[in-house]
Amino acid sequence: FSNAAAVLSDNGDGMRQIVSYIISMGHQRIAYIHGKDSSVTKERLVSFYRTMEEYEIPVREAYVLEAEYTDPVLAAERTRELLKLKNPPTCIIYTDDYACIGGIGAIEENGLAVPDDVSVAGYDGIPVGTIIKPKLTTIMQDTDQIGRCAARKIVDLIERPKTTTVDIQSISVRLEKGQSVKDMTYRGGKRP
């Protein structure tokens, strides 16, 4: 985004929130199916590795795979690869909610259930994620706020180009705790 104004979600904080939540639910074998090379992907990847490091959880390189954003077919393919590993992950984070839905399909094709056998988490907070079963755990992006800020920036650049800065504005995100991440902090189905 050099020399261009941009309004983005806080991708680093979003990834930190979702990884921290998954770890708080007792997961350590966490996979991340990320998007193709972009500034968004780089920011999320750095935050993924940094958060895992902060919790002193090693990242297994076989758990970090590349796919395309909003591609449920490729996400399903990558999910199948993860499920074939000798020690498959207990939780998979996807590039976005569409990819997550594709991953859920691959998990179910393998006779497994979400979240009982494999937990999943998406990113974006698309409406369909709130109605599928189980409800997705995801990062909610404030697309309305992003749109308002972008529109204001465009108007300012047109009407006051000499006094408007060309910068990057970051919009806060929030974790939506659905039912797609299993709580592994207790055994036997009963809380201590």
C-alpha atoms as a PDB file:
ATOM      1  CA  PHE A   1       0.000   0.000   0.000  1.00  0.00           C
ATOM      2  CA  SER A   2       2.912   2.417  -0.485  1.00  0.00           C
ATOM      3  CA  ASN A   3       1.792   5.844  -1.646  1.00  0.00           C
ATOM      4  CA  ALA A   4      -1.877   4.880  -1.347  1.00  0.00           C
ATOM      5  CA  ALA A   5      -4.489   5.371   1.325  1.00  0.00           C
ATOM      6  CA  ALA A   6      -5.913   2.178   2.805  1.00  0.00           C
ATOM      7  CA  VAL A   7      -8.508   1.216   5.391  1.00  0.00           C
ATOM      8  CA  LEU A   8      -7.961  -2.292   6.745  1.00  0.00           C
ATOM      9  CA  SER A   9      -9.015  -4.541   9.567  1.00  0.00           C
ATOM     10  CA  ASP A  10      -6.408  -5.007  12.284  1.00  0.00           C
ATOM     11  CA  ASN A  11      -5.301  -8.387  10.945  1.00  0.00           C
ATOM     12  CA  GLY A  12      -2.453  -8.819  13.407  1.00  0.00           C
ATOM     13  CA  ASP A  13      -4.726  -8.322  16.402  1.00  0.00           C
ATOM     14  CA  GLY A  14      -7.404 -10.545  14.864  1.00  0.00           C
ATOM     15  CA  MET A  15      -4.980 -13.428  14.486  1.00  0.00           C
ATOM     16  CA  ARG A  16      -3.643 -12.849  18.018  1.00  0.00           C
ATOM     17  CA  GLN A  17      -7.188 -12.956  19.412  1.00  0.00           C
ATOM     18  CA  ILE A  18      -8.177 -16.177  17.655  1.00  0.00           C
ATOM     19  CA  VAL A  19      -4.921 -18.045  18.367  1.00  0.00           C
ATOM     20  CA  SER A  20      -5.000 -16.969  22.040  1.00  0.00           C
ATOM     21  CA  TYR A  21      -8.595 -18.159  22.345  1.00  0.00           C
ATOM     22  CA  ILE A  22      -7.815 -21.536  20.739  1.00  0.00           C
ATOM     23  CA  ILE A  23      -4.867 -22.005  23.102  1.00  0.00           C
ATOM     24  CA  SER A  24      -7.066 -21.036  26.079  1.00  0.00           C
ATOM     25  CA  MET A  25      -9.375 -23.878  25.019  1.00  0.00           C
ATOM     26  CA  GLY A  26      -6.491 -26.338  25.499  1.00  0.00           C
ATOM     27  CA  HIS A  27      -5.243 -26.755  21.921  1.00  0.00           C
ATOM     28  CA  GLN A  28      -1.545 -26.950  21.088  1.00  0.00           C
ATOM     29  CA  ARG A  29      -1.553 -28.723  17.721  1.00  0.00           C
ATOM     30  CA  ILE A  30      -2.875 -25.736  15.762  1.00  0.00           C
ATOM     31  CA  ALA A  31      -2.760 -25.564  11.960  1.00  0.00           C
ATOM     32  CA  TYR A  32      -3.138 -22.472   9.825  1.00  0.00           C
ATOM     33  CA  ILE A  33      -4.264 -22.599   6.201  1.00  0.00           C
ATOM     34  CA  HIS A  34      -3.337 -19.104   5.037  1.00  0.00           C
ATOM     35  CA  GLY A  35      -3.882 -17.130   1.845  1.00  0.00           C
ATOM     36  CA  LYS A  36      -1.487 -16.368  -0.990  1.00  0.00           C
ATOM     37  CA  ASP A  37       1.293 -13.831  -0.523  1.00  0.00           C
ATOM     38  CA  SER A  38      -0.128 -10.383   0.297  1.00  0.00           C
ATOM     39  CA  SER A  39       0.260  -7.741   2.995  1.00  0.00           C
ATOM     40  CA  VAL A  40      -2.804  -9.179   4.785  1.00  0.00           C
ATOM     41  CA  THR A  41      -1.356 -12.703   4.681  1.00  0.00           C
ATOM     42  CA  LYS A  42       2.043 -11.509   5.919  1.00  0.00           C
ATOM     43  CA  GLU A  43       0.497  -9.608   8.829  1.00  0.00           C
ATOM     44  CA  ARG A  44      -1.628 -12.598   9.849  1.00  0.00           C
ATOM     45  CA  LEU A  45       1.248 -15.073   9.486  1.00  0.00           C
ATOM     46  CA  VAL A  46       3.601 -12.961  11.597  1.00  0.00           C
ATOM     47  CA  SER A  47       0.918 -12.645  14.264  1.00  0.00           C
ATOM     48  CA  PHE A  48       0.212 -16.410  14.155  1.00  0.00           C
ATOM     49  CA  TYR A  49       3.888 -17.292  14.678  1.00  0.00           C
ATOM     50  CA  ARG A  50       4.396 -14.545  17.260  1.00  0.00           C
ATOM     51  CA  THR A  51       1.370 -15.589  19.325  1.00  0.00           C
ATOM     52  CA  MET A  52       2.383 -19.256  19.259  1.00  0.00           C
ATOM     53  CA  GLU A  53       5.884 -18.212  20.348  1.00  0.00           C
ATOM     54  CA  GLU A  54       4.495 -16.085  23.211  1.00  0.00           C
ATOM     55  CA  TYR A  55       2.684 -19.179  24.517  1.00  0.00           C
ATOM     56  CA  GLU A  56       5.837 -21.267  23.957  1.00  0.00           C
ATOM     57  CA  ILE A  57       4.051 -23.602  21.566  1.00  0.00           C
ATOM     58  CA  PRO A  58       6.213 -24.778  18.664  1.00  0.00           C
ATOM     59  CA  VAL A  59       4.706 -24.401  15.196  1.00  0.00           C
ATOM     60  CA  ARG A  60       4.904 -27.567  13.128  1.00  0.00           C
ATOM     61  CA  GLU A  61       5.734 -26.474   9.598  1.00  0.00           C
ATOM     62  CA  ALA A  62       3.542 -29.288   8.213  1.00  0.00           C
ATOM     63  CA  TYR A  63       0.613 -27.462   9.859  1.00  0.00           C
ATOM     64  CA  VAL A  64       1.124 -24.219   7.916  1.00  0.00           C
ATOM     65  CA  LEU A  65      -0.255 -24.542   4.384  1.00  0.00           C
ATOM     66  CA  GLU A  66      -1.079 -22.075   1.630  1.00  0.00           C
ATOM     67  CA  ALA A  67      -4.431 -21.843  -0.132  1.00  0.00           C
ATOM     68  CA  GLU A  68      -6.495 -19.109  -1.774  1.00  0.00           C
ATOM     69  CA  TYR A  69      -8.788 -16.697  -0.005  1.00  0.00           C
ATOM     70  CA  THR A  70     -12.498 -17.594  -0.361  1.00  0.00           C
ATOM     71  CA  ASP A  71     -11.716 -20.949  -1.998  1.00  0.00           C
ATOM     72  CA  PRO A  72     -13.562 -23.734  -0.140  1.00  0.00           C
ATOM     73  CA  VAL A  73     -12.410 -26.399  -2.638  1.00  0.00           C
ATOM     74  CA  LEU A  74      -8.681 -25.746  -2.106  1.00  0.00           C
ATOM     75  CA  ALA A  75      -9.244 -25.365   1.646  1.00  0.00           C
ATOM     76  CA  ALA A  76     -10.890 -28.817   1.673  1.00  0.00           C
ATOM     77  CA  GLU A  77      -7.900 -30.238  -0.204  1.00  0.00           C
ATOM     78  CA  ARG A  78      -5.457 -28.728   2.331  1.00  0.00           C
ATOM     79  CA  THR A  79      -7.632 -30.035   5.180  1.00  0.00           C
ATOM     80  CA  ARG A  80      -7.406 -33.559   3.778  1.00  0.00           C
ATOM     81  CA  GLU A  81      -3.596 -33.193   3.724  1.00  0.00           C
ATOM     82  CA  LEU A  82      -3.601 -32.183   7.393  1.00  0.00           C
ATOM     83  CA  LEU A  83      -5.892 -35.058   8.387  1.00  0.00           C
ATOM     84  CA  LYS A  84      -3.503 -37.582   6.757  1.00  0.00           C
ATOM     85  CA  LEU A  85      -0.603 -36.520   9.008  1.00  0.00           C
ATOM     86  CA  LYS A  86       0.587 -38.985  11.664  1.00  0.00           C
ATOM     87  CA  ASN A  87      -0.296 -36.377  14.317  1.00  0.00           C
ATOM     88  CA  PRO A  88      -3.047 -34.252  12.761  1.00  0.00           C
ATOM     89  CA  PRO A  89      -3.894 -30.886  14.302  1.00  0.00           C
ATOM     90  CA  THR A  90      -6.650 -30.615  16.892  1.00  0.00           C
ATOM     91  CA  CYS A  91      -7.646 -27.207  15.492  1.00  0.00           C
ATOM     92  CA  ILE A  92      -7.384 -25.642  12.036  1.00  0.00           C
ATOM     93  CA  ILE A  93      -7.561 -21.889  11.396  1.00  0.00           C
ATOM     94  CA  TYR A  94      -8.641 -20.945   7.869  1.00  0.00           C
ATOM     95  CA  THR A  95      -7.982 -17.929   5.646  1.00  0.00           C
ATOM     96  CA  ASP A  96     -11.638 -16.940   5.896  1.00  0.00           C
ATOM     97  CA  ASP A  97     -15.080 -18.323   6.700  1.00  0.00           C
ATOM     98  CA  TYR A  98     -15.735 -19.576   3.136  1.00  0.00           C
ATOM     99  CA  ALA A  99     -12.540 -21.625   3.275  1.00  0.00           C
ATOM    100  CA  CYS A 100     -13.535 -22.843   6.740  1.00  0.00           C
ATOM    101  CA  ILE A 101     -16.839 -24.151   5.397  1.00  0.00           C
ATOM    102  CA  GLY A 102     -14.896 -26.107   2.755  1.00  0.00           C
ATOM    103  CA  GLY A 103     -12.656 -27.489   5.494  1.00  0.00           C
ATOM    104  CA  ILE A 104     -15.663 -28.598   7.537  1.00  0.00           C
ATOM    105  CA  GLY A 105     -16.897 -30.537   4.499  1.00  0.00           C
ATOM    106  CA  ALA A 106     -13.547 -32.358   4.200  1.00  0.00           C
ATOM    107  CA  ILE A 107     -13.546 -33.165   7.921  1.00  0.00           C
ATOM    108  CA  GLU A 108     -17.046 -34.621   7.679  1.00  0.00           C
ATOM    109  CA  GLU A 109     -16.120 -36.599   4.517  1.00  0.00           C
ATOM    110  CA  ASN A 110     -13.458 -38.306   6.642  1.00  0.00           C
ATOM    111  CA  GLY A 111     -16.091 -39.442   9.131  1.00  0.00           C
ATOM    112  CA  LEU A 112     -15.038 -36.857  11.710  1.00  0.00           C
ATOM    113  CA  ALA A 113     -17.118 -34.237  13.498  1.00  0.00           C
ATOM    114  CA  VAL A 114     -16.527 -30.550  14.229  1.00  0.00           C
ATOM    115  CA  PRO A 115     -15.624 -29.747  16.990  1.00  0.00           C
ATOM    116  CA  ASP A 116     -15.557 -33.157  18.712  1.00  0.00           C
ATOM    117  CA  ASP A 117     -12.807 -34.619  16.509  1.00  0.00           C
ATOM    118  CA  VAL A 118     -11.315 -31.522  14.870  1.00  0.00           C
ATOM    119  CA  SER A 119     -11.926 -27.897  15.826  1.00  0.00           C
ATOM    120  CA  VAL A 120     -12.035 -25.114  13.232  1.00  0.00           C
ATOM    121  CA  ALA A 121     -11.949 -21.326  13.162  1.00  0.00           C
ATOM    122  CA  GLY A 122     -12.567 -18.890  10.331  1.00  0.00           C
ATOM    123  CA  TYR A 123     -11.968 -15.216   9.701  1.00  0.00           C
ATOM    124  CA  ASP A 124     -14.310 -12.447   8.450  1.00  0.00           C
ATOM    125  CA  GLY A 125     -17.587 -13.064  10.231  1.00  0.00           C
ATOM    126  CA  ILE A 126     -19.796 -13.735   7.207  1.00  0.00           C
ATOM    127  CA  PRO A 127     -23.527 -14.121   8.008  1.00  0.00           C
ATOM    128  CA  VAL A 128     -23.708 -17.791   6.955  1.00  0.00           C
ATOM    129  CA  GLY A 129     -21.182 -18.603   9.692  1.00  0.00           C
ATOM    130  CA  THR A 130     -23.805 -17.759  12.294  1.00  0.00           C
ATOM    131  CA  ILE A 131     -26.411 -20.160  10.925  1.00  0.00           C
ATOM    132  CA  ILE A 132     -24.393 -23.269  10.072  1.00  0.00           C
ATOM    133  CA  LYS A 133     -23.972 -25.971  12.685  1.00  0.00           C
ATOM    134  CA  PRO A 134     -21.806 -25.686  14.611  1.00  0.00           C
ATOM    135  CA  LYS A 135     -21.757 -21.887  14.632  1.00  0.00           C
ATOM    136  CA  LEU A 136     -18.311 -20.756  13.473  1.00  0.00           C
ATOM    137  CA  THR A 137     -15.713 -19.316  15.784  1.00  0.00           C
ATOM    138  CA  THR A 138     -14.366 -16.416  13.754  1.00  0.00           C
ATOM    139  CA  ILE A 139     -12.950 -12.913  13.728  1.00  0.00           C
ATOM    140  CA  MET A 140     -15.616 -10.334  12.963  1.00  0.00           C
ATOM    141  CA  GLN A 141     -14.449  -7.571  10.655  1.00  0.00           C
ATOM    142  CA  ASP A 142     -16.394  -4.317  10.874  1.00  0.00           C
ATOM    143  CA  THR A 143     -17.045  -3.929   7.151  1.00  0.00           C
ATOM    144  CA  ASP A 144     -19.517  -1.079   7.724  1.00  0.00           C
ATOM    145  CA  GLN A 145     -16.864   0.925   9.584  1.00  0.00           C
ATOM    146  CA  ILE A 146     -14.255   0.086   6.932  1.00  0.00           C
ATOM    147  CA  GLY A 147     -16.632   1.350   4.229  1.00  0.00           C
ATOM    148  CA  ARG A 148     -17.455   4.570   6.101  1.00  0.00           C
ATOM    149  CA  CYS A 149     -13.771   5.341   6.742  1.00  0.00           C
ATOM    150  CA  ALA A 150     -12.808   4.566   3.148  1.00  0.00           C
ATOM    151  CA  ALA A 151     -15.594   6.808   1.801  1.00  0.00           C
ATOM    152  CA  ARG A 152     -14.509   9.649   4.110  1.00  0.00           C
ATOM    153  CA  LYS A 153     -10.896   9.236   2.996  1.00  0.00           C
ATOM    154  CA  ILE A 154     -11.869   9.337  -0.698  1.00  0.00           C
ATOM    155  CA  VAL A 155     -13.987  12.459  -0.197  1.00  0.00           C
ATOM    156  CA  ASP A 156     -11.137  14.127   1.737  1.00  0.00           C
ATOM    157  CA  LEU A 157      -8.608  13.220  -0.965  1.00  0.00           C
ATOM    158  CA  ILE A 158     -10.878  14.743  -3.631  1.00  0.00           C
ATOM    159  CA  GLU A 159     -12.031  17.833  -1.741  1.00  0.00           C
ATOM    160  CA  ARG A 160      -8.871  18.601   0.262  1.00  0.00           C
ATOM    161  CA  PRO A 161      -5.936  16.875  -1.449  1.00  0.00           C
ATOM    162  CA  LYS A 162      -3.298  19.237  -0.027  1.00  0.00           C
ATOM    163  CA  THR A 163      -4.307  18.677   3.596  1.00  0.00           C
ATOM    164  CA  THR A 164      -5.224  14.981   3.514  1.00  0.00           C
ATOM    165  CA  THR A 165      -2.574  12.412   4.351  1.00  0.00           C
ATOM    166  CA  VAL A 166      -2.121   9.219   2.406  1.00  0.00           C
ATOM    167  CA  ASP A 167      -1.996   6.692   5.225  1.00  0.00           C
ATOM    168  CA  ILE A 168      -3.174   3.308   6.382  1.00  0.00           C
ATOM    169  CA  GLN A 169      -6.040   3.237   8.855  1.00  0.00           C
ATOM    170  CA  SER A 170      -6.604   0.129  10.962  1.00  0.00           C
ATOM    171  CA  ILE A 171     -10.109  -0.844  12.134  1.00  0.00           C
ATOM    172  CA  SER A 172     -10.591  -2.990  15.245  1.00  0.00           C
ATOM    173  CA  VAL A 173     -11.878  -6.551  14.981  1.00  0.00           C
ATOM    174  CA  ARG A 174     -13.499  -8.815  17.556  1.00  0.00           C
ATOM    175  CA  LEU A 175     -13.542 -12.500  18.310  1.00  0.00           C
ATOM    176  CA  GLU A 176     -16.887 -14.254  17.884  1.00  0.00           C
ATOM    177  CA  LYS A 177     -16.833 -17.400  20.020  1.00  0.00           C
ATOM    178  CA  GLY A 178     -18.981 -19.873  18.155  1.00  0.00           C
ATOM    179  CA  GLN A 179     -19.202 -23.597  18.860  1.00  0.00           C
ATOM    180  CA  SER A 180     -16.563 -24.821  16.396  1.00  0.00           C
ATOM    181  CA  VAL A 181     -13.639 -24.910  18.868  1.00  0.00           C
ATOM    182  CA  LYS A 182     -13.761 -27.743  21.403  1.00  0.00           C
ATOM    183  CA  ASP A 183     -12.839 -27.019  25.022  1.00  0.00           C
ATOM    184  CA  MET A 184     -10.031 -29.483  25.702  1.00  0.00           C
ATOM    185  CA  THR A 185      -9.135 -28.141  29.137  1.00  0.00           C
ATOM    186  CA  TYR A 186     -11.113 -30.908  30.860  1.00  0.00           C
ATOM    187  CA  ARG A 187     -11.643 -34.613  30.289  1.00  0.00           C
ATOM    188  CA  GLY A 188     -14.678 -36.846  30.529  1.00  0.00           C
ATOM    189  CA  GLY A 189     -17.217 -34.210  29.565  1.00  0.00           C
ATOM    190  CA  LYS A 190     -17.387 -32.763  33.083  1.00  0.00           C
ATOM    191  CA  ARG A 191     -15.801 -29.567  34.210  1.00  0.00           C
ATOM    192  CA  PRO A 192     -13.515 -29.826  37.260  1.00  0.00           C
END
